[in-house]
């Protein structure tokens, strides 16, 4: 769980997942996700998608200016398919979502 989740290319295509290289301090608004009171993004590093917290400093031209210690040069950020990536994450870690008993 600390690494995040890995998705096959087929799964990524199925949920419409698209990622962009992280631009230091800026991310598209489409990358943002809210869980309880925390704003986060899905970072892609070494084939692993992991939800990491970000602090929004301001919003300008469809981009959020953020502060975080969780993103670095070379990382990618999920910008499409984020909601379904969240469902996949819940499914992977809870073992309940999406399973019929």
Protein backbone atom coordinates (compact mmCIF):
# COMPACT_ATOMS: atom_id res chain seq x y z
CA UNK A 1 0.00 0.00 0.00
CA UNK A 2 2.89 2.38 0.67
CA UNK A 3 3.99 1.95 -2.95
CA UNK A 4 0.53 2.63 -4.38
CA UNK A 5 -1.01 0.49 -7.11
CA UNK A 6 0.11 -0.77 -10.48
CA UNK A 7 -2.27 -1.01 -13.42
CA UNK A 8 -1.79 -2.91 -16.65
CA UNK A 9 -1.76 -0.92 -19.88
CA UNK A 10 -5.15 -2.48 -20.66
CA UNK A 11 -6.60 -1.29 -17.32
CA UNK A 12 -5.15 2.19 -17.80
CA UNK A 13 -6.75 2.40 -21.24
CA UNK A 14 -10.07 1.06 -19.91
CA UNK A 15 -10.38 3.81 -17.28
CA UNK A 16 -9.09 6.51 -19.64
CA UNK A 17 -6.04 7.17 -17.51
CA UNK A 18 -3.64 9.78 -18.83
CA UNK A 19 -0.59 11.17 -17.07
CA UNK A 20 1.61 14.18 -17.74
CA UNK A 21 5.13 14.99 -16.58
CA UNK A 22 5.12 16.92 -13.31
CA UNK A 23 5.90 20.59 -13.83
CA UNK A 24 7.46 21.87 -10.63
CA UNK A 25 4.85 23.54 -8.47
CA UNK A 26 2.04 23.36 -11.04
CA UNK A 27 -0.54 20.76 -11.91
CA UNK A 28 -3.69 20.78 -14.06
CA UNK A 29 -6.92 21.14 -12.07
CA UNK A 30 -8.10 17.84 -13.57
CA UNK A 31 -5.39 16.07 -11.55
CA UNK A 32 -6.84 17.11 -8.19
CA UNK A 33 -8.86 14.72 -6.09
CA UNK A 34 -10.45 15.26 -2.70
CA UNK A 35 -10.66 12.59 0.00
CA UNK A 36 -12.24 13.70 3.26
CA UNK A 37 -10.54 17.07 3.88
CA UNK A 38 -7.37 16.32 1.96
CA UNK A 39 -6.54 17.42 -1.57
CA UNK A 40 -4.26 15.07 -3.42
CA UNK A 41 -3.00 13.94 -6.81
CA UNK A 42 -1.97 10.58 -8.17
CA UNK A 43 1.77 10.46 -8.71
CA UNK A 44 3.18 7.96 -11.19
CA UNK A 45 6.72 6.88 -10.36
CA UNK A 46 8.46 3.68 -11.45
CA UNK A 47 5.15 2.20 -12.65
CA UNK A 48 3.32 2.84 -9.37
CA UNK A 49 0.34 5.19 -8.95
CA UNK A 50 0.21 6.66 -5.46
CA UNK A 51 -2.13 9.26 -4.03
CA UNK A 52 -0.08 12.05 -2.45
CA UNK A 53 -1.23 15.12 -0.56
CA UNK A 54 -0.77 18.59 -2.00
CA UNK A 55 -1.42 22.07 -0.67
CA UNK A 56 -3.05 24.46 -3.14
CA UNK A 57 -1.47 27.91 -3.02
CA UNK A 58 -3.55 29.43 -5.82
CA UNK A 59 -5.43 28.57 -8.99
CA UNK A 60 -4.61 30.27 -12.27
CA UNK A 61 -5.40 29.48 -15.93
CA UNK A 62 -6.69 25.96 -15.25
CA UNK A 63 -3.63 25.11 -13.19
CA UNK A 64 -3.17 24.76 -9.45
CA UNK A 65 -0.02 26.19 -7.95
CA UNK A 66 0.84 23.65 -5.29
CA UNK A 67 3.22 22.87 -2.49
CA UNK A 68 4.25 19.29 -1.73
CA UNK A 69 7.28 17.25 -0.74
CA UNK A 70 5.84 14.19 -2.50
CA UNK A 71 6.54 15.16 -6.12
CA UNK A 72 9.88 15.55 -7.84
CA UNK A 73 11.36 15.99 -11.29
CA UNK A 74 10.74 12.89 -13.39
CA UNK A 75 7.41 12.08 -11.75
CA UNK A 76 4.18 11.99 -13.72
CA UNK A 77 0.76 13.12 -12.48
CA UNK A 78 -2.53 11.51 -13.50
CA UNK A 79 -4.65 14.15 -15.25
CA UNK A 80 -7.50 12.04 -16.70
CA UNK A 81 -9.28 9.01 -15.29
CA UNK A 82 -8.50 10.18 -11.75
CA UNK A 83 -11.90 9.25 -10.28
CA UNK A 84 -11.69 5.71 -11.67
CA UNK A 85 -8.11 5.42 -10.46
CA UNK A 86 -9.47 6.19 -6.98
CA UNK A 87 -12.01 3.37 -7.38
CA UNK A 88 -9.22 1.00 -8.46
CA UNK A 89 -7.18 2.04 -5.42
CA UNK A 90 -10.10 1.41 -3.06
CA UNK A 91 -10.72 -1.93 -4.74
CA UNK A 92 -7.07 -2.95 -4.40
CA UNK A 93 -6.82 -2.10 -0.70
CA UNK A 94 -10.28 -2.74 0.72
CA UNK A 95 -11.06 -6.00 -1.01
CA UNK A 96 -14.74 -5.01 -0.92
CA UNK A 97 -15.52 -2.44 -3.61
CA UNK A 98 -16.65 -4.00 -6.85
CA UNK A 99 -16.82 -7.58 -5.56
CA UNK A 100 -20.07 -9.51 -5.28
CA UNK A 101 -20.39 -11.85 -2.31
